[in-house]
Each structure stands twice: as C-alpha cells, then as structure tokens.
C-alpha cells in the first residue's frame, strides 16, 4: 500500500500554515494606529434632493404602412 506523497500529518500541516498566517498577520500590521487612520478620513459631499413629479411618456415603434398587401377577391 502506497502512502500519499502529500500526507504531512498534523505537525506538517501546522509547520506549513504557521509561516503563512504569520506573513498575513505582518502584512495586516502596516504600522498605522487607529488615530492615524481616523485622521486620514476622506472628505464627503452631501446632496439634498426633493421629490417632484416627472412626466413619463412611452413611445412604441409601429408601422404606418403595411409590409404586405393581400388582394381578396370573391370566388
């Protein structure tokens, strides 16, 4: 019976994941405190709107002349 070549076991899994998580943790700590981040808040603009009535019209396409003419004759 062959052993799976990627079977690291519990210790191997921890040994592989620990550096990854520590790198992610260090990248998340970019040296700025919360006070510095709050001081860099972007400026915003406020727009006040008022409800009003708007005329809505729908224009549907149509033909003004037939595309085919049928001649109906008595028999």
N, C-alpha and C. Protein backbone atom coordinates (compact mmCIF):
# COMPACT_ATOMS: atom_id res chain seq x y z
N UNK A 1 0.84 -1.17 0.00
CA UNK A 1 0.00 0.00 0.00
C UNK A 1 0.90 1.24 0.00
N UNK A 2 0.68 2.13 -0.96
CA UNK A 2 1.50 3.34 -1.09
C UNK A 2 0.94 4.45 -0.22
N UNK A 3 1.83 5.20 0.37
CA UNK A 3 1.44 6.33 1.18
C UNK A 3 1.27 7.56 0.28
N UNK A 4 0.26 8.34 0.56
CA UNK A 4 0.01 9.54 -0.21
C UNK A 4 1.22 10.47 -0.08
N UNK A 5 1.80 10.94 -1.17
CA UNK A 5 3.01 11.77 -1.07
C UNK A 5 2.76 13.14 -0.44
N UNK A 6 1.51 13.57 -0.32
CA UNK A 6 1.21 14.88 0.25
C UNK A 6 0.63 14.72 1.66
N UNK A 7 0.83 13.60 2.31
CA UNK A 7 0.32 13.38 3.65
C UNK A 7 1.33 13.92 4.65
N UNK A 8 1.10 15.14 5.14
CA UNK A 8 2.04 15.80 6.04
C UNK A 8 1.76 15.48 7.50
N UNK A 9 0.58 15.05 7.82
CA UNK A 9 0.22 14.83 9.21
C UNK A 9 -0.09 16.14 9.90
N UNK A 10 -0.39 16.06 11.18
CA UNK A 10 -0.78 17.25 11.93
C UNK A 10 0.40 18.21 12.10
N UNK A 11 1.55 17.71 12.46
CA UNK A 11 2.71 18.57 12.67
C UNK A 11 3.13 19.25 11.36
N UNK A 12 3.10 18.51 10.26
CA UNK A 12 3.48 19.09 8.97
C UNK A 12 2.51 20.17 8.52
N UNK A 13 1.22 19.96 8.79
CA UNK A 13 0.22 20.95 8.42
C UNK A 13 0.42 22.24 9.22
N UNK A 14 0.69 22.08 10.51
CA UNK A 14 0.95 23.27 11.34
C UNK A 14 2.22 23.96 10.89
N UNK A 15 3.24 23.17 10.55
CA UNK A 15 4.51 23.75 10.11
C UNK A 15 4.36 24.50 8.79
N UNK A 16 3.44 24.08 7.94
CA UNK A 16 3.22 24.78 6.67
C UNK A 16 2.33 26.00 6.84
N UNK A 17 1.33 25.92 7.73
CA UNK A 17 0.37 27.01 7.88
C UNK A 17 0.90 28.14 8.76
N UNK A 18 1.76 27.85 9.72
CA UNK A 18 2.24 28.88 10.64
C UNK A 18 2.97 30.01 9.92
N UNK A 19 3.90 29.74 9.00
CA UNK A 19 4.54 30.86 8.29
C UNK A 19 3.55 31.66 7.44
N UNK A 20 2.59 30.97 6.85
CA UNK A 20 1.61 31.67 6.02
C UNK A 20 0.78 32.64 6.86
N UNK A 21 0.29 32.18 8.00
CA UNK A 21 -0.51 33.05 8.86
C UNK A 21 0.32 34.17 9.46
N UNK A 22 1.57 33.91 9.78
CA UNK A 22 2.40 34.98 10.33
C UNK A 22 2.70 36.05 9.27
N UNK A 23 2.87 35.64 8.02
CA UNK A 23 3.08 36.62 6.95
C UNK A 23 1.83 37.47 6.75
N UNK A 24 0.66 36.83 6.76
CA UNK A 24 -0.59 37.58 6.62
C UNK A 24 -0.78 38.54 7.80
N UNK A 25 -0.40 38.12 8.99
CA UNK A 25 -0.53 38.97 10.17
C UNK A 25 0.40 40.18 10.06
N UNK A 26 1.62 39.96 9.59
CA UNK A 26 2.57 41.06 9.46
C UNK A 26 2.16 42.03 8.36
N UNK A 27 1.58 41.52 7.28
CA UNK A 27 1.12 42.39 6.20
C UNK A 27 -0.05 43.24 6.69
N UNK A 28 -0.89 42.68 7.55
CA UNK A 28 -2.03 43.43 8.09
C UNK A 28 -1.60 44.54 9.02
N UNK A 29 -0.45 44.42 9.64
CA UNK A 29 0.06 45.46 10.54
C UNK A 29 0.97 46.38 9.74
N UNK A 30 0.41 47.41 9.18
CA UNK A 30 1.21 48.30 8.34
C UNK A 30 1.78 49.48 9.11
N UNK A 31 1.75 49.45 10.44
CA UNK A 31 2.41 50.48 11.24
C UNK A 31 1.54 51.67 11.58
N UNK A 32 0.32 51.75 11.11
CA UNK A 32 -0.55 52.88 11.41
C UNK A 32 -1.46 52.52 12.58
N UNK A 33 -1.62 53.46 13.47
CA UNK A 33 -2.55 53.26 14.58
C UNK A 33 -3.93 53.70 14.14
N UNK A 34 -4.91 53.44 15.00
CA UNK A 34 -6.28 53.83 14.66
C UNK A 34 -6.44 55.34 14.58
N UNK A 35 -5.69 56.08 15.38
CA UNK A 35 -5.78 57.54 15.35
C UNK A 35 -5.26 58.08 14.02
N UNK A 36 -4.21 57.49 13.50
CA UNK A 36 -3.68 57.93 12.21
C UNK A 36 -4.66 57.59 11.10
N UNK A 37 -5.30 56.44 11.19
CA UNK A 37 -6.26 56.06 10.17
C UNK A 37 -7.49 56.97 10.22
N UNK A 38 -7.92 57.36 11.42
CA UNK A 38 -9.08 58.25 11.55
C UNK A 38 -8.75 59.64 11.03
N UNK A 39 -7.51 60.08 11.16
CA UNK A 39 -7.12 61.40 10.67
C UNK A 39 -7.11 61.45 9.15
N UNK A 40 -6.99 60.32 8.50
CA UNK A 40 -6.93 60.27 7.04
C UNK A 40 -8.30 59.99 6.42
N UNK A 41 -9.36 60.29 7.13
CA UNK A 41 -10.70 60.03 6.62
C UNK A 41 -10.95 60.90 5.39
N UNK A 42 -11.53 60.36 4.34
CA UNK A 42 -11.77 61.14 3.12
C UNK A 42 -12.93 62.12 3.31
N UNK A 43 -12.89 63.20 2.55
CA UNK A 43 -13.97 64.18 2.58
C UNK A 43 -15.14 63.66 1.76
N UNK A 44 -16.34 63.99 2.21
CA UNK A 44 -17.54 63.56 1.51
C UNK A 44 -18.39 64.77 1.16
N UNK A 45 -19.25 64.62 0.18
CA UNK A 45 -20.18 65.67 -0.21
C UNK A 45 -21.60 65.18 0.04
N UNK A 46 -22.48 66.08 0.43
CA UNK A 46 -23.86 65.74 0.72
C UNK A 46 -24.75 66.48 -0.26
N UNK A 47 -25.70 65.77 -0.85
CA UNK A 47 -26.64 66.36 -1.79
C UNK A 47 -28.04 66.14 -1.24
N UNK A 48 -28.80 67.22 -1.10
CA UNK A 48 -30.17 67.14 -0.61
C UNK A 48 -31.09 67.11 -1.83
N UNK A 49 -31.97 66.13 -1.87
CA UNK A 49 -32.88 66.01 -3.01
C UNK A 49 -34.31 66.22 -2.53
N UNK A 50 -35.16 66.68 -3.45
CA UNK A 50 -36.56 66.92 -3.16
C UNK A 50 -37.41 66.11 -4.14
N UNK A 51 -38.49 65.51 -3.67
CA UNK A 51 -39.35 64.77 -4.60
C UNK A 51 -40.11 65.75 -5.51
N UNK A 52 -40.29 65.37 -6.76
CA UNK A 52 -41.04 66.19 -7.70
C UNK A 52 -41.67 65.27 -8.74
N UNK A 53 -42.69 65.78 -9.38
CA UNK A 53 -43.38 64.99 -10.41
C UNK A 53 -42.63 65.12 -11.74
N UNK A 54 -42.56 63.99 -12.45
CA UNK A 54 -41.88 63.96 -13.73
C UNK A 54 -42.83 63.33 -14.74
N UNK A 55 -42.92 63.94 -15.92
CA UNK A 55 -43.78 63.39 -16.97
C UNK A 55 -43.08 62.21 -17.63
N UNK A 56 -43.78 61.09 -17.68
CA UNK A 56 -43.23 59.88 -18.27
C UNK A 56 -44.02 59.56 -19.53
N UNK A 57 -43.34 59.49 -20.66
CA UNK A 57 -44.02 59.14 -21.90
C UNK A 57 -43.29 57.96 -22.53
N UNK A 58 -44.09 57.06 -23.08
CA UNK A 58 -43.53 55.88 -23.73
C UNK A 58 -43.88 55.92 -25.20
N UNK A 59 -42.89 55.84 -26.04
CA UNK A 59 -43.11 55.87 -27.48
C UNK A 59 -42.84 54.47 -28.02
N UNK A 60 -43.89 53.83 -28.51
CA UNK A 60 -43.75 52.48 -29.03
C UNK A 60 -43.56 52.52 -30.54
N UNK A 61 -42.67 51.71 -31.07
CA UNK A 61 -42.47 51.69 -32.52
C UNK A 61 -43.65 51.00 -33.21
N UNK A 62 -43.99 51.47 -34.38
CA UNK A 62 -45.09 50.87 -35.13
C UNK A 62 -44.97 51.20 -36.61
N UNK A 63 -45.74 50.51 -37.42
CA UNK A 63 -45.73 50.74 -38.86
C UNK A 63 -46.89 51.66 -39.24
N UNK A 64 -46.62 52.55 -40.16
CA UNK A 64 -47.69 53.40 -40.67
C UNK A 64 -48.22 52.87 -41.99
N UNK A 65 -47.47 51.97 -42.62
CA UNK A 65 -47.95 51.34 -43.85
C UNK A 65 -47.69 49.84 -43.73
N UNK A 66 -48.56 49.02 -44.32
CA UNK A 66 -48.38 47.57 -44.19
C UNK A 66 -47.15 47.09 -44.95
N UNK A 67 -46.56 46.03 -44.47
CA UNK A 67 -45.39 45.48 -45.17
C UNK A 67 -45.82 44.49 -46.25
N UNK A 68 -47.09 44.06 -46.22
CA UNK A 68 -47.58 43.14 -47.25
C UNK A 68 -49.04 43.49 -47.55
N UNK A 69 -49.40 43.45 -48.83
CA UNK A 69 -50.77 43.75 -49.24
C UNK A 69 -51.38 42.47 -49.81
N UNK A 70 -52.57 42.14 -49.34
CA UNK A 70 -53.27 40.94 -49.83
C UNK A 70 -54.49 41.39 -50.63
N UNK A 71 -54.64 40.83 -51.79
CA UNK A 71 -55.82 41.12 -52.60
C UNK A 71 -56.84 40.02 -52.35
N UNK A 72 -57.98 40.41 -51.80
CA UNK A 72 -59.04 39.44 -51.51
C UNK A 72 -60.10 39.61 -52.58
N UNK A 73 -60.35 38.51 -53.32
CA UNK A 73 -61.33 38.55 -54.41
C UNK A 73 -62.40 37.49 -54.19
N UNK A 74 -63.63 37.78 -54.55
CA UNK A 74 -64.69 36.77 -54.39
C UNK A 74 -64.52 35.65 -55.40
N UNK A 75 -64.92 34.47 -54.99
CA UNK A 75 -64.81 33.32 -55.90
C UNK A 75 -66.16 32.91 -56.42
